[in-house]
Amino acid sequence: MSTLDPGVAERLTLNDQGLLPAIVQQHDTGEVLMLAWMDAEALRRTLDTGRGTYWSRSRREYWVKGETSGHTQRVVEVRLDCDGDTVLVKVDQTGPACHTGTRTCFDDGAIGG
């Protein structure tokens, strides 16, 4: 089993639960699809497999987007923000990204003003 590149691992700033938010974006349109959570292992799996792999806080287990639904994410690029506390995962999304069946988890429209 491979490990996360030490140069990447040392840049990570994880929260108290050992996680960082992962903003998932459609690579060619810039559309924000979802927000998920990753730890160092989920990031390693994502980089190694090219498939969006995340940590489920409620189930306390790793999950690969689309493994059961077929709505997969082929990872095109991964970027770490300047503080190392957020990751941007650019993907080619197949099917809906949201568990509700909508294209993105942000399809409910704007709130306020």
N, C-alpha and C. Protein backbone atom coordinates (compact mmCIF):
# COMPACT_ATOMS: atom_id res chain seq x y z
N MET A 1 0.85 -1.17 0.00
CA MET A 1 0.00 0.00 0.00
C MET A 1 0.90 1.24 0.00
N SER A 2 0.53 2.21 -0.81
CA SER A 2 1.32 3.43 -0.88
C SER A 2 0.93 4.37 0.26
N THR A 3 1.74 5.39 0.45
CA THR A 3 1.45 6.41 1.45
C THR A 3 1.36 7.75 0.76
N LEU A 4 0.75 8.69 1.43
CA LEU A 4 0.64 10.04 0.90
C LEU A 4 2.04 10.64 0.83
N ASP A 5 2.33 11.30 -0.27
CA ASP A 5 3.63 11.94 -0.45
C ASP A 5 3.94 12.80 0.78
N PRO A 6 5.11 12.61 1.41
CA PRO A 6 5.44 13.37 2.62
C PRO A 6 5.40 14.89 2.41
N GLY A 7 5.75 15.35 1.22
CA GLY A 7 5.69 16.78 0.94
C GLY A 7 4.28 17.32 0.97
N VAL A 8 3.33 16.50 0.54
CA VAL A 8 1.91 16.88 0.61
C VAL A 8 1.42 16.76 2.05
N ALA A 9 1.75 15.65 2.69
CA ALA A 9 1.28 15.40 4.06
C ALA A 9 1.69 16.51 5.02
N GLU A 10 2.91 17.02 4.87
CA GLU A 10 3.37 18.06 5.79
C GLU A 10 2.68 19.40 5.54
N ARG A 11 2.07 19.58 4.39
CA ARG A 11 1.35 20.82 4.09
C ARG A 11 -0.08 20.81 4.63
N LEU A 12 -0.61 19.63 4.99
CA LEU A 12 -2.00 19.53 5.44
C LEU A 12 -2.19 20.15 6.82
N THR A 13 -3.26 20.91 6.95
CA THR A 13 -3.69 21.45 8.24
C THR A 13 -5.06 20.86 8.51
N LEU A 14 -5.09 19.79 9.29
CA LEU A 14 -6.33 19.07 9.57
C LEU A 14 -7.03 19.67 10.77
N ASN A 15 -8.36 19.52 10.82
CA ASN A 15 -9.12 20.01 11.98
C ASN A 15 -8.96 19.04 13.15
N ASP A 16 -9.68 19.29 14.23
CA ASP A 16 -9.58 18.46 15.44
C ASP A 16 -9.97 17.01 15.22
N GLN A 17 -10.76 16.76 14.19
CA GLN A 17 -11.17 15.39 13.86
C GLN A 17 -10.22 14.74 12.84
N GLY A 18 -9.17 15.46 12.47
CA GLY A 18 -8.21 14.92 11.50
C GLY A 18 -8.69 15.03 10.06
N LEU A 19 -9.60 15.98 9.81
CA LEU A 19 -10.22 16.11 8.49
C LEU A 19 -9.99 17.50 7.90
N LEU A 20 -10.20 17.59 6.59
CA LEU A 20 -10.24 18.88 5.93
C LEU A 20 -11.36 18.84 4.89
N PRO A 21 -12.02 19.99 4.66
CA PRO A 21 -13.10 20.02 3.68
C PRO A 21 -12.54 19.87 2.26
N ALA A 22 -13.29 19.16 1.45
CA ALA A 22 -12.96 18.97 0.04
C ALA A 22 -14.07 19.58 -0.80
N ILE A 23 -13.75 20.65 -1.49
CA ILE A 23 -14.69 21.27 -2.41
C ILE A 23 -14.54 20.54 -3.74
N VAL A 24 -15.65 20.03 -4.26
CA VAL A 24 -15.61 19.25 -5.49
C VAL A 24 -16.23 20.08 -6.60
N GLN A 25 -15.48 20.24 -7.69
CA GLN A 25 -15.85 21.14 -8.77
C GLN A 25 -15.75 20.40 -10.11
N GLN A 26 -16.73 20.66 -10.99
CA GLN A 26 -16.65 20.13 -12.35
C GLN A 26 -15.49 20.80 -13.06
N HIS A 27 -14.56 20.02 -13.57
CA HIS A 27 -13.29 20.56 -14.08
C HIS A 27 -13.44 21.51 -15.26
N ASP A 28 -14.40 21.29 -16.14
CA ASP A 28 -14.46 22.10 -17.36
C ASP A 28 -15.39 23.30 -17.27
N THR A 29 -16.33 23.29 -16.33
CA THR A 29 -17.27 24.40 -16.22
C THR A 29 -17.05 25.25 -14.97
N GLY A 30 -16.35 24.71 -13.99
CA GLY A 30 -16.16 25.41 -12.73
C GLY A 30 -17.33 25.27 -11.77
N GLU A 31 -18.36 24.55 -12.17
CA GLU A 31 -19.54 24.35 -11.33
C GLU A 31 -19.15 23.64 -10.03
N VAL A 32 -19.55 24.21 -8.89
CA VAL A 32 -19.31 23.56 -7.61
C VAL A 32 -20.36 22.48 -7.42
N LEU A 33 -19.91 21.26 -7.24
CA LEU A 33 -20.81 20.11 -7.16
C LEU A 33 -21.19 19.73 -5.74
N MET A 34 -20.22 19.70 -4.85
CA MET A 34 -20.49 19.22 -3.50
C MET A 34 -19.34 19.59 -2.58
N LEU A 35 -19.57 19.42 -1.31
CA LEU A 35 -18.54 19.53 -0.29
C LEU A 35 -18.51 18.20 0.45
N ALA A 36 -17.32 17.66 0.63
CA ALA A 36 -17.16 16.41 1.36
C ALA A 36 -15.99 16.59 2.31
N TRP A 37 -15.63 15.54 3.01
CA TRP A 37 -14.53 15.59 3.97
C TRP A 37 -13.49 14.55 3.62
N MET A 38 -12.23 14.90 3.82
CA MET A 38 -11.12 13.98 3.58
C MET A 38 -10.18 14.01 4.77
N ASP A 39 -9.53 12.87 4.98
CA ASP A 39 -8.34 12.85 5.83
C ASP A 39 -7.17 12.52 4.92
N ALA A 40 -5.99 12.35 5.47
CA ALA A 40 -4.82 12.08 4.65
C ALA A 40 -4.99 10.80 3.83
N GLU A 41 -5.62 9.79 4.42
CA GLU A 41 -5.81 8.52 3.72
C GLU A 41 -6.79 8.67 2.55
N ALA A 42 -7.87 9.39 2.74
CA ALA A 42 -8.83 9.62 1.65
C ALA A 42 -8.16 10.39 0.52
N LEU A 43 -7.32 11.36 0.87
CA LEU A 43 -6.60 12.11 -0.15
C LEU A 43 -5.64 11.19 -0.90
N ARG A 44 -4.93 10.34 -0.17
CA ARG A 44 -4.03 9.39 -0.82
C ARG A 44 -4.78 8.48 -1.78
N ARG A 45 -5.91 7.94 -1.32
CA ARG A 45 -6.70 7.04 -2.17
C ARG A 45 -7.20 7.77 -3.42
N THR A 46 -7.62 9.01 -3.25
CA THR A 46 -8.08 9.81 -4.38
C THR A 46 -6.96 10.00 -5.40
N LEU A 47 -5.79 10.36 -4.92
CA LEU A 47 -4.65 10.59 -5.80
C LEU A 47 -4.19 9.29 -6.47
N ASP A 48 -4.20 8.19 -5.72
CA ASP A 48 -3.74 6.90 -6.26
C ASP A 48 -4.70 6.30 -7.29
N THR A 49 -6.01 6.45 -7.05
CA THR A 49 -7.00 5.78 -7.89
C THR A 49 -7.61 6.67 -8.96
N GLY A 50 -7.55 8.00 -8.76
CA GLY A 50 -8.21 8.91 -9.69
C GLY A 50 -9.72 8.92 -9.53
N ARG A 51 -10.19 8.42 -8.40
CA ARG A 51 -11.63 8.40 -8.08
C ARG A 51 -11.85 9.16 -6.78
N GLY A 52 -12.90 10.01 -6.75
CA GLY A 52 -13.19 10.79 -5.56
C GLY A 52 -13.47 9.89 -4.37
N THR A 53 -12.62 9.93 -3.36
CA THR A 53 -12.74 9.10 -2.16
C THR A 53 -12.78 10.01 -0.95
N TYR A 54 -13.75 9.81 -0.08
CA TYR A 54 -14.02 10.74 1.01
C TYR A 54 -14.23 9.98 2.31
N TRP A 55 -14.28 10.73 3.41
CA TRP A 55 -14.55 10.18 4.73
C TRP A 55 -15.97 10.56 5.13
N SER A 56 -16.78 9.57 5.45
CA SER A 56 -18.14 9.83 5.92
C SER A 56 -18.11 10.04 7.43
N ARG A 57 -18.45 11.24 7.85
CA ARG A 57 -18.46 11.53 9.28
C ARG A 57 -19.58 10.78 9.99
N SER A 58 -20.71 10.57 9.32
CA SER A 58 -21.83 9.88 9.96
C SER A 58 -21.61 8.37 10.03
N ARG A 59 -21.10 7.78 8.96
CA ARG A 59 -20.87 6.32 8.93
C ARG A 59 -19.49 5.94 9.45
N ARG A 60 -18.60 6.94 9.57
CA ARG A 60 -17.25 6.71 10.03
C ARG A 60 -16.52 5.67 9.19
N GLU A 61 -16.59 5.90 7.85
CA GLU A 61 -15.91 5.01 6.92
C GLU A 61 -15.62 5.76 5.62
N TYR A 62 -14.68 5.22 4.85
CA TYR A 62 -14.36 5.80 3.55
C TYR A 62 -15.44 5.42 2.55
N TRP A 63 -15.68 6.31 1.60
CA TRP A 63 -16.60 6.00 0.52
C TRP A 63 -16.08 6.60 -0.78
N VAL A 64 -16.30 5.85 -1.84
CA VAL A 64 -15.90 6.28 -3.17
C VAL A 64 -17.16 6.77 -3.88
N LYS A 65 -17.14 8.02 -4.31
CA LYS A 65 -18.31 8.60 -4.96
C LYS A 65 -18.70 7.75 -6.16
N GLY A 66 -19.96 7.32 -6.19
CA GLY A 66 -20.50 6.55 -7.29
C GLY A 66 -20.36 5.05 -7.16
N GLU A 67 -19.74 4.59 -6.09
CA GLU A 67 -19.53 3.16 -5.93
C GLU A 67 -20.85 2.39 -5.90
N THR A 68 -21.86 2.95 -5.29
CA THR A 68 -23.16 2.28 -5.26
C THR A 68 -24.16 2.90 -6.24
N SER A 69 -24.06 4.20 -6.49
CA SER A 69 -25.03 4.89 -7.35
C SER A 69 -24.67 4.86 -8.83
N GLY A 70 -23.39 4.67 -9.12
CA GLY A 70 -22.94 4.77 -10.51
C GLY A 70 -22.63 6.19 -10.94
N HIS A 71 -22.85 7.15 -10.07
CA HIS A 71 -22.60 8.56 -10.36
C HIS A 71 -21.17 8.90 -9.96
N THR A 72 -20.24 8.53 -10.80
CA THR A 72 -18.83 8.53 -10.46
C THR A 72 -18.15 9.88 -10.68
N GLN A 73 -16.99 10.00 -10.08
CA GLN A 73 -16.14 11.17 -10.25
C GLN A 73 -14.76 10.71 -10.71
N ARG A 74 -14.41 11.10 -11.93
CA ARG A 74 -13.04 10.87 -12.40
C ARG A 74 -12.25 12.13 -12.04
N VAL A 75 -11.25 11.96 -11.23
CA VAL A 75 -10.47 13.10 -10.74
C VAL A 75 -9.52 13.58 -11.83
N VAL A 76 -9.61 14.86 -12.14
CA VAL A 76 -8.77 15.50 -13.15
C VAL A 76 -7.59 16.22 -12.50
N GLU A 77 -7.85 16.87 -11.36
CA GLU A 77 -6.81 17.65 -10.69
C GLU A 77 -7.18 17.82 -9.22
N VAL A 78 -6.17 17.87 -8.36
CA VAL A 78 -6.38 18.13 -6.95
C VAL A 78 -5.44 19.27 -6.55
N ARG A 79 -6.00 20.24 -5.83
CA ARG A 79 -5.21 21.39 -5.37
C ARG A 79 -5.44 21.58 -3.88
N LEU A 80 -4.38 21.96 -3.20
CA LEU A 80 -4.44 22.30 -1.79
C LEU A 80 -4.40 23.81 -1.68
N ASP A 81 -5.25 24.39 -0.83
CA ASP A 81 -5.26 25.85 -0.71
C ASP A 81 -4.01 26.34 0.02
N CYS A 82 -3.84 27.65 0.05
CA CYS A 82 -2.62 28.27 0.58
C CYS A 82 -2.35 27.94 2.04
N ASP A 83 -3.40 27.68 2.83
CA ASP A 83 -3.23 27.36 4.25
C ASP A 83 -3.15 25.86 4.51
N GLY A 84 -3.39 25.06 3.47
CA GLY A 84 -3.35 23.61 3.62
C GLY A 84 -4.53 23.04 4.38
N ASP A 85 -5.62 23.85 4.52
CA ASP A 85 -6.76 23.38 5.29
C ASP A 85 -8.01 23.11 4.46
N THR A 86 -7.89 23.20 3.14
CA THR A 86 -9.00 22.89 2.24
C THR A 86 -8.41 22.32 0.96
N VAL A 87 -9.08 21.31 0.42
CA VAL A 87 -8.64 20.73 -0.84
C VAL A 87 -9.71 20.99 -1.90
N LEU A 88 -9.27 21.29 -3.11
CA LEU A 88 -10.15 21.47 -4.26
C LEU A 88 -9.94 20.26 -5.16
N VAL A 89 -11.02 19.54 -5.40
CA VAL A 89 -10.96 18.34 -6.24
C VAL A 89 -11.73 18.63 -7.52
N LYS A 90 -11.01 18.74 -8.63
CA LYS A 90 -11.64 18.98 -9.92
C LYS A 90 -11.89 17.63 -10.57
N VAL A 91 -13.15 17.40 -10.95
CA VAL A 91 -13.57 16.09 -11.43
C VAL A 91 -14.34 16.19 -12.73
N ASP A 92 -14.49 15.04 -13.35
CA ASP A 92 -15.45 14.86 -14.44
C ASP A 92 -16.56 14.02 -13.83
N GLN A 93 -17.68 14.67 -13.51
CA GLN A 93 -18.80 14.02 -12.82
C GLN A 93 -19.70 13.32 -13.82
N THR A 94 -20.02 12.06 -13.53
CA THR A 94 -20.99 11.31 -14.31
C THR A 94 -22.28 11.23 -13.50
N GLY A 95 -23.37 11.77 -14.03
CA GLY A 95 -24.64 11.76 -13.31
C GLY A 95 -24.67 12.80 -12.21
N PRO A 96 -25.73 12.76 -11.39
CA PRO A 96 -25.87 13.73 -10.31
C PRO A 96 -24.76 13.59 -9.28
N ALA A 97 -24.33 14.71 -8.73
CA ALA A 97 -23.33 14.67 -7.66
C ALA A 97 -23.98 14.57 -6.29
N CYS A 98 -25.20 15.07 -6.17
CA CYS A 98 -25.87 15.11 -4.87
C CYS A 98 -26.65 13.83 -4.61
N HIS A 99 -26.67 13.40 -3.36
CA HIS A 99 -27.42 12.21 -2.98
C HIS A 99 -28.93 12.38 -3.16
N THR A 100 -29.40 13.63 -3.35
CA THR A 100 -30.83 13.88 -3.58
C THR A 100 -31.22 13.67 -5.04
N GLY A 101 -30.20 13.48 -5.89
CA GLY A 101 -30.47 13.26 -7.30
C GLY A 101 -30.31 14.51 -8.16
N THR A 102 -29.91 15.64 -7.56
CA THR A 102 -29.70 16.85 -8.33
C THR A 102 -28.26 16.92 -8.82
N ARG A 103 -28.04 17.72 -9.85
CA ARG A 103 -26.70 17.83 -10.44
C ARG A 103 -25.66 18.23 -9.41
N THR A 104 -25.98 19.24 -8.58
CA THR A 104 -25.06 19.66 -7.53
C THR A 104 -25.81 19.68 -6.20
N CYS A 105 -25.05 19.74 -5.13
CA CYS A 105 -25.65 19.85 -3.80
C CYS A 105 -26.09 21.28 -3.52
N PHE A 106 -25.87 22.18 -4.49
CA PHE A 106 -26.21 23.60 -4.32
C PHE A 106 -27.31 24.02 -5.29
N ASP A 107 -28.21 23.11 -5.65
CA ASP A 107 -29.28 23.40 -6.60
C ASP A 107 -30.55 23.96 -5.99
N ASP A 108 -30.55 24.22 -4.69
CA ASP A 108 -31.76 24.74 -4.05
C ASP A 108 -31.98 26.24 -4.27
N GLY A 109 -31.07 26.88 -4.96
CA GLY A 109 -31.21 28.31 -5.23
C GLY A 109 -30.56 29.16 -4.16
N ALA A 110 -30.48 30.45 -4.46
CA ALA A 110 -29.85 31.40 -3.57
C ALA A 110 -30.72 31.66 -2.34
N ILE A 111 -30.08 31.95 -1.23
CA ILE A 111 -30.81 32.33 -0.02
C ILE A 111 -30.51 33.78 0.29
N GLY A 112 -31.48 34.47 0.75
CA GLY A 112 -31.30 35.88 1.10
C GLY A 112 -31.15 36.77 -0.11
N GLY A 113 -30.99 38.06 0.15
CA GLY A 113 -30.80 39.16 -0.78
C GLY A 113 -30.87 38.85 -2.18
